[in-house]
């Protein structure tokens, strides 16, 4: 049997470098890496057109895609997690708002479905008791999943200005950023003890908030099951040398057992924010991958 080639999108992380530079290989699969930067630009093509065989995918996008019946298989593979409370910022010239006082205010975020935004909102509700539906969420991008429509408390702004500019001019009262978190003078976090709160949350729940997992095309899984199993083994093998030391959090996680509680928590957070059209169970989310991977995915 010839080796199958899988068209693959993965961002370069410490735990994916060995795969991307070809230091780790498997005779059952060839990973043909496609460079998409920033990586979130691959998400819509993946869930709308299954443009790739294997693709990094935001967990909110993945859950929405599953709920709407997109032909993807979510693997039990987390490749990006991070603490999120430091991602909501204000502008010091107007004073930094207390998170509990955001009801009735305007908060900008790239997209309502952005995973960082989902986690920040979940933390605001948990920490400050904020009614998220009482905030006007100002967005620029639509959902990656075409069928999803933003809830009525979400408004849209033109894309000819950045979130940082909107915040500086006072058009919004706070803004949530992803990897583009501004560091210039004048921007300051709304949650000054974000790092301490994040670590306390991690100690309580046992995982870092999940940003990105890995999804596969259902057609590619059906056509090349051995190659998909090999790709999953490679993902785990690439991360293994970077396993946690001294009980510190790490941004990756693998296996159905390890991900059951984190994914269940994420589903509930999405439901509370009107991000899903219906309730999902962890068994439903992982059923196709469990059939594909069997005990290898445990």
Protein backbone atom coordinates (compact mmCIF):
# COMPACT_ATOMS: atom_id res chain seq x y z
CA UNK A 1 0.00 0.00 0.00
CA UNK A 2 1.36 3.41 -0.95
CA UNK A 3 1.77 6.15 1.63
CA UNK A 4 -1.17 8.57 1.75
CA UNK A 5 -0.48 12.30 1.63
CA UNK A 6 -2.61 14.54 3.86
CA UNK A 7 -2.93 18.23 3.08
CA UNK A 8 -2.27 19.70 6.53
CA UNK A 9 -2.49 23.07 8.30
CA UNK A 10 -0.72 23.42 11.64
CA UNK A 11 0.79 26.49 13.20
CA UNK A 12 4.43 26.16 14.24
CA UNK A 13 4.60 25.55 17.99
CA UNK A 14 7.38 23.96 20.05
CA UNK A 15 5.28 20.78 20.06
CA UNK A 16 4.72 20.77 16.26
CA UNK A 17 8.19 21.81 15.09
CA UNK A 18 9.48 18.25 14.77
CA UNK A 19 6.61 17.42 12.44
CA UNK A 20 6.94 20.52 10.33
CA UNK A 21 10.66 20.19 9.78
CA UNK A 22 10.33 16.49 8.97
CA UNK A 23 12.24 15.20 12.00
CA UNK A 24 9.35 12.84 12.81
CA UNK A 25 7.84 10.68 10.09
CA UNK A 26 5.67 7.59 9.68
CA UNK A 27 5.65 5.20 6.75
CA UNK A 28 1.83 5.30 6.62
CA UNK A 29 1.47 9.03 6.05
CA UNK A 30 3.06 12.09 4.50
CA UNK A 31 1.99 15.43 5.93
CA UNK A 32 1.91 18.03 3.17
CA UNK A 33 1.98 21.28 5.16
CA UNK A 34 0.16 24.31 3.81
CA UNK A 35 1.26 27.67 5.23
CA UNK A 36 -1.75 29.73 6.34
CA UNK A 37 -0.98 32.84 8.39
CA UNK A 38 -2.61 33.78 10.61
CA UNK A 39 -3.84 30.25 11.13
CA UNK A 40 -7.45 31.30 11.79
CA UNK A 41 -7.75 32.07 8.08
CA UNK A 42 -7.79 28.30 7.50
CA UNK A 43 -10.80 27.72 9.75
CA UNK A 44 -13.61 28.89 7.43
CA UNK A 45 -12.30 26.94 4.41
CA UNK A 46 -12.00 23.86 6.60
CA UNK A 47 -15.53 23.88 8.02
CA UNK A 48 -17.23 25.23 4.89
CA UNK A 49 -15.37 23.33 2.16
CA UNK A 50 -13.18 20.77 4.00
CA UNK A 51 -10.33 22.42 2.13
CA UNK A 52 -7.72 20.41 4.05
CA UNK A 53 -7.40 16.81 5.13
CA UNK A 54 -6.06 17.74 8.57
CA UNK A 55 -6.37 21.20 10.08
CA UNK A 56 -5.86 23.06 13.32
CA UNK A 57 -9.27 24.41 14.33
CA UNK A 58 -10.59 26.67 17.08
CA UNK A 59 -12.68 24.66 19.53
CA UNK A 60 -15.70 26.99 19.26
CA UNK A 61 -15.61 26.68 15.47
CA UNK A 62 -15.26 22.89 15.75
CA UNK A 63 -18.22 22.55 18.12
CA UNK A 64 -20.37 24.77 15.91
CA UNK A 65 -19.39 22.79 12.82
CA UNK A 66 -20.35 19.53 14.52
CA UNK A 67 -23.66 20.97 15.70
CA UNK A 68 -24.50 22.03 12.14
CA UNK A 69 -23.44 18.70 10.63
CA UNK A 70 -20.22 19.67 8.84
CA UNK A 71 -18.25 16.64 7.56
CA UNK A 72 -15.33 16.96 9.96
CA UNK A 73 -13.90 14.60 12.58
CA UNK A 74 -12.60 16.26 15.74
CA UNK A 75 -9.52 14.42 16.95
CA UNK A 76 -8.71 14.28 20.69
CA UNK A 77 -5.74 16.55 20.13
CA UNK A 78 -5.33 20.02 21.65
CA UNK A 79 -2.46 21.97 20.09
CA UNK A 80 -3.08 25.43 21.58
CA UNK A 81 -4.31 26.47 25.01
CA UNK A 82 -3.63 29.57 27.03
CA UNK A 83 -4.77 31.67 29.95
CA UNK A 84 -7.26 34.30 28.81
CA UNK A 85 -8.11 36.80 31.54
CA UNK A 86 -5.34 39.19 30.48
CA UNK A 87 -6.84 39.52 27.00
CA UNK A 88 -9.52 42.09 27.87
CA UNK A 89 -8.11 45.60 28.08
CA UNK A 90 -9.21 49.20 28.52
CA UNK A 91 -7.78 52.66 27.78
CA UNK A 92 -6.24 54.36 30.81
CA UNK A 93 -7.16 57.94 29.82
CA UNK A 94 -10.82 57.13 30.48
CA UNK A 95 -10.18 54.96 33.51
CA UNK A 96 -10.16 51.17 33.59
CA UNK A 97 -13.60 49.72 34.22
CA UNK A 98 -14.31 47.13 36.85
CA UNK A 99 -15.37 43.95 35.00
CA UNK A 100 -18.57 43.82 37.05
CA UNK A 101 -19.59 47.22 35.63
CA UNK A 102 -19.52 46.17 31.95
CA UNK A 103 -23.30 45.67 31.77
CA UNK A 104 -24.67 48.32 29.41
CA UNK A 105 -21.21 48.97 27.96
CA UNK A 106 -19.69 48.23 24.54
CA UNK A 107 -16.92 45.64 24.29
CA UNK A 108 -15.11 44.93 21.02
CA UNK A 109 -13.87 41.52 19.90
CA UNK A 110 -12.78 40.38 16.44
CA UNK A 111 -15.68 37.93 16.17
CA UNK A 112 -18.33 36.89 18.67
CA UNK A 113 -17.34 33.29 17.98
CA UNK A 114 -13.61 33.89 18.57
CA UNK A 115 -12.48 31.35 21.14
CA UNK A 116 -10.52 33.86 23.20
CA UNK A 117 -13.66 35.99 23.42
CA UNK A 118 -15.70 32.99 24.56
CA UNK A 119 -13.24 32.24 27.37
CA UNK A 120 -12.99 35.86 28.48
CA UNK A 121 -16.79 36.10 28.64
CA UNK A 122 -16.97 32.83 30.59
CA UNK A 123 -14.47 34.20 33.11
CA UNK A 124 -16.33 37.53 33.39
CA UNK A 125 -19.54 35.68 34.19
CA UNK A 126 -17.80 33.35 36.65
CA UNK A 127 -15.63 35.94 38.42
CA UNK A 128 -17.82 39.04 38.34
CA UNK A 129 -21.32 37.65 37.90
CA UNK A 130 -21.66 39.64 34.68
CA UNK A 131 -24.84 39.09 32.65
CA UNK A 132 -23.22 38.67 29.24
CA UNK A 133 -26.45 39.49 27.39
CA UNK A 134 -26.44 42.96 28.97
CA UNK A 135 -23.19 43.85 27.17
CA UNK A 136 -23.16 45.08 23.56
CA UNK A 137 -20.49 43.05 21.82
CA UNK A 138 -18.98 44.93 18.86
CA UNK A 139 -17.47 42.65 16.22
CA UNK A 140 -15.90 42.86 12.78
CA UNK A 141 -15.74 39.29 11.48
CA UNK A 142 -18.58 36.80 10.99
CA UNK A 143 -18.46 33.22 12.24
CA UNK A 144 -16.31 30.71 10.36
CA UNK A 145 -19.35 28.40 10.28
CA UNK A 146 -21.67 29.95 7.70
CA UNK A 147 -24.91 28.72 9.30
CA UNK A 148 -24.30 30.49 12.61
CA UNK A 149 -25.94 33.86 13.16
CA UNK A 150 -24.76 36.16 15.93
CA UNK A 151 -27.25 36.74 18.77
CA UNK A 152 -29.17 40.05 18.92
CA UNK A 153 -26.88 41.66 21.50
CA UNK A 154 -23.99 41.55 18.99
CA UNK A 155 -23.37 44.52 16.67
CA UNK A 156 -21.00 44.87 13.72
CA UNK A 157 -18.43 47.55 13.01
CA UNK A 158 -16.57 48.20 9.74
CA UNK A 159 -13.18 46.57 9.29
CA UNK A 160 -11.41 49.76 8.21
CA UNK A 161 -10.35 50.43 11.81
CA UNK A 162 -8.64 48.26 14.35
CA UNK A 163 -10.07 47.27 17.71
CA UNK A 164 -7.25 49.23 19.35
CA UNK A 165 -8.22 52.38 17.44
CA UNK A 166 -11.87 51.95 18.41
CA UNK A 167 -10.83 51.66 22.06
CA UNK A 168 -8.52 54.67 21.92
CA UNK A 169 -11.24 56.86 20.39
CA UNK A 170 -13.80 55.82 22.98
CA UNK A 171 -16.09 54.03 20.52
CA UNK A 172 -15.94 51.01 22.82
CA UNK A 173 -15.35 50.74 26.55
CA UNK A 174 -13.08 47.68 26.42
CA UNK A 175 -11.72 45.24 23.86
CA UNK A 176 -10.73 41.58 23.76
CA UNK A 177 -7.60 40.71 21.79
CA UNK A 178 -6.08 37.41 20.74
CA UNK A 179 -2.45 37.13 19.70
CA UNK A 180 -2.54 40.82 18.74
CA UNK A 181 -2.74 42.03 22.37
CA UNK A 182 -1.51 45.67 22.34
CA UNK A 183 1.49 46.55 24.48
CA UNK A 184 1.72 50.31 23.84
CA UNK A 185 1.32 52.77 26.73
CA UNK A 186 -2.32 53.55 27.47
CA UNK A 187 -3.65 50.02 27.17
CA UNK A 188 -4.16 48.21 30.46
CA UNK A 189 -5.90 44.98 31.51
CA UNK A 190 -9.32 45.12 33.08
CA UNK A 191 -8.36 42.24 35.36
CA UNK A 192 -5.14 43.35 37.13
CA UNK A 193 -4.64 40.00 38.89
CA UNK A 194 -5.34 38.00 35.72
CA UNK A 195 -2.33 35.70 36.04
CA UNK A 196 -3.11 34.73 39.63
CA UNK A 197 -6.77 34.16 38.82
CA UNK A 198 -5.87 32.08 35.76
CA UNK A 199 -3.57 29.81 37.73
CA UNK A 200 -6.15 29.42 40.49
CA UNK A 201 -8.68 28.43 37.81
CA UNK A 202 -6.23 25.91 36.36
CA UNK A 203 -5.61 24.37 39.78
CA UNK A 204 -9.36 24.06 40.29
CA UNK A 205 -10.27 22.64 36.88
CA UNK A 206 -7.07 20.83 35.95
CA UNK A 207 -6.66 22.20 32.41
CA UNK A 208 -5.77 25.36 30.53
CA UNK A 209 -8.60 26.92 28.50
CA UNK A 210 -8.54 25.24 25.09
CA UNK A 211 -8.05 27.40 22.02
CA UNK A 212 -7.26 25.08 19.12
CA UNK A 213 -7.68 21.37 18.45
CA UNK A 214 -7.06 19.31 15.31
CA UNK A 215 -9.86 18.29 12.96
CA UNK A 216 -9.85 15.97 9.98
CA UNK A 217 -11.93 15.80 6.86
CA UNK A 218 -14.44 12.95 7.13
CA UNK A 219 -13.76 12.07 3.48
CA UNK A 220 -10.03 11.80 4.16
CA UNK A 221 -10.69 9.64 7.24
CA UNK A 222 -12.85 7.30 5.16
CA UNK A 223 -10.33 7.15 2.33
CA UNK A 224 -7.14 6.94 4.41
CA UNK A 225 -7.90 5.68 7.94
CA UNK A 226 -4.40 4.28 8.51
CA UNK A 227 -2.84 7.58 7.47
CA UNK A 228 -5.10 9.48 9.88
CA UNK A 229 -4.18 7.14 12.71
CA UNK A 230 -0.53 7.63 11.88
CA UNK A 231 -0.96 11.41 11.83
CA UNK A 232 -2.53 11.32 15.28
CA UNK A 233 0.36 9.20 16.58
CA UNK A 234 2.81 11.72 15.16
CA UNK A 235 1.04 14.62 16.86
CA UNK A 236 1.33 12.87 20.22
CA UNK A 237 4.92 11.82 19.60
CA UNK A 238 5.97 15.36 18.67
CA UNK A 239 4.59 16.73 21.95
CA UNK A 240 5.87 13.93 24.20
CA UNK A 241 9.39 15.36 24.83
CA UNK A 242 7.80 18.59 26.08
CA UNK A 243 5.62 16.93 28.71
CA UNK A 244 4.78 18.94 31.82
CA UNK A 245 7.42 19.29 34.52
CA UNK A 246 6.76 20.11 38.17
CA UNK A 247 3.01 20.17 37.60
CA UNK A 248 3.10 23.23 35.34
CA UNK A 249 0.34 23.78 32.75
CA UNK A 250 1.07 22.96 29.12
CA UNK A 251 -0.80 24.15 26.01
CA UNK A 252 -1.39 20.71 24.48
CA UNK A 253 -3.36 17.66 25.56
CA UNK A 254 -4.26 14.34 23.92
CA UNK A 255 -6.71 11.50 24.44
CA UNK A 256 -10.43 11.01 24.93
CA UNK A 257 -10.10 10.47 28.68
CA UNK A 258 -7.92 13.55 29.22
CA UNK A 259 -10.25 15.74 27.15
CA UNK A 260 -13.66 14.56 28.34
CA UNK A 261 -14.04 17.08 31.18
CA UNK A 262 -12.38 20.04 29.37
CA UNK A 263 -14.59 19.59 26.30
CA UNK A 264 -17.72 19.17 28.45
CA UNK A 265 -16.87 22.42 30.26
CA UNK A 266 -16.33 24.20 26.94
CA UNK A 267 -19.66 22.99 25.54
CA UNK A 268 -21.49 24.36 28.58
CA UNK A 269 -19.67 27.69 28.30
CA UNK A 270 -20.68 27.94 24.64
CA UNK A 271 -24.31 27.11 25.40
CA UNK A 272 -24.48 29.84 28.04
CA UNK A 273 -23.27 32.35 25.43
CA UNK A 274 -25.72 31.34 22.67
CA UNK A 275 -22.85 30.01 20.55
CA UNK A 276 -24.45 26.65 19.75
CA UNK A 277 -27.80 25.93 18.08
CA UNK A 278 -28.33 22.90 20.33
CA UNK A 279 -26.74 21.01 23.17
CA UNK A 280 -23.92 18.61 22.35
CA UNK A 281 -22.51 15.75 24.39
CA UNK A 282 -18.86 14.79 24.56
CA UNK A 283 -19.77 11.35 23.22
CA UNK A 284 -21.39 12.93 20.16
CA UNK A 285 -18.44 15.24 19.61
CA UNK A 286 -15.87 12.44 19.70
CA UNK A 287 -17.87 9.52 18.29
CA UNK A 288 -16.35 9.66 14.76
CA UNK A 289 -12.81 9.97 16.15
CA UNK A 290 -13.38 7.10 18.59
CA UNK A 291 -14.48 4.92 15.67
CA UNK A 292 -11.37 5.96 13.74
CA UNK A 293 -8.75 5.77 16.51
CA UNK A 294 -10.14 3.14 18.88
CA UNK A 295 -7.83 2.50 21.82
CA UNK A 296 -5.09 4.62 20.22
CA UNK A 297 -7.10 7.70 21.14
CA UNK A 298 -7.67 6.77 24.78
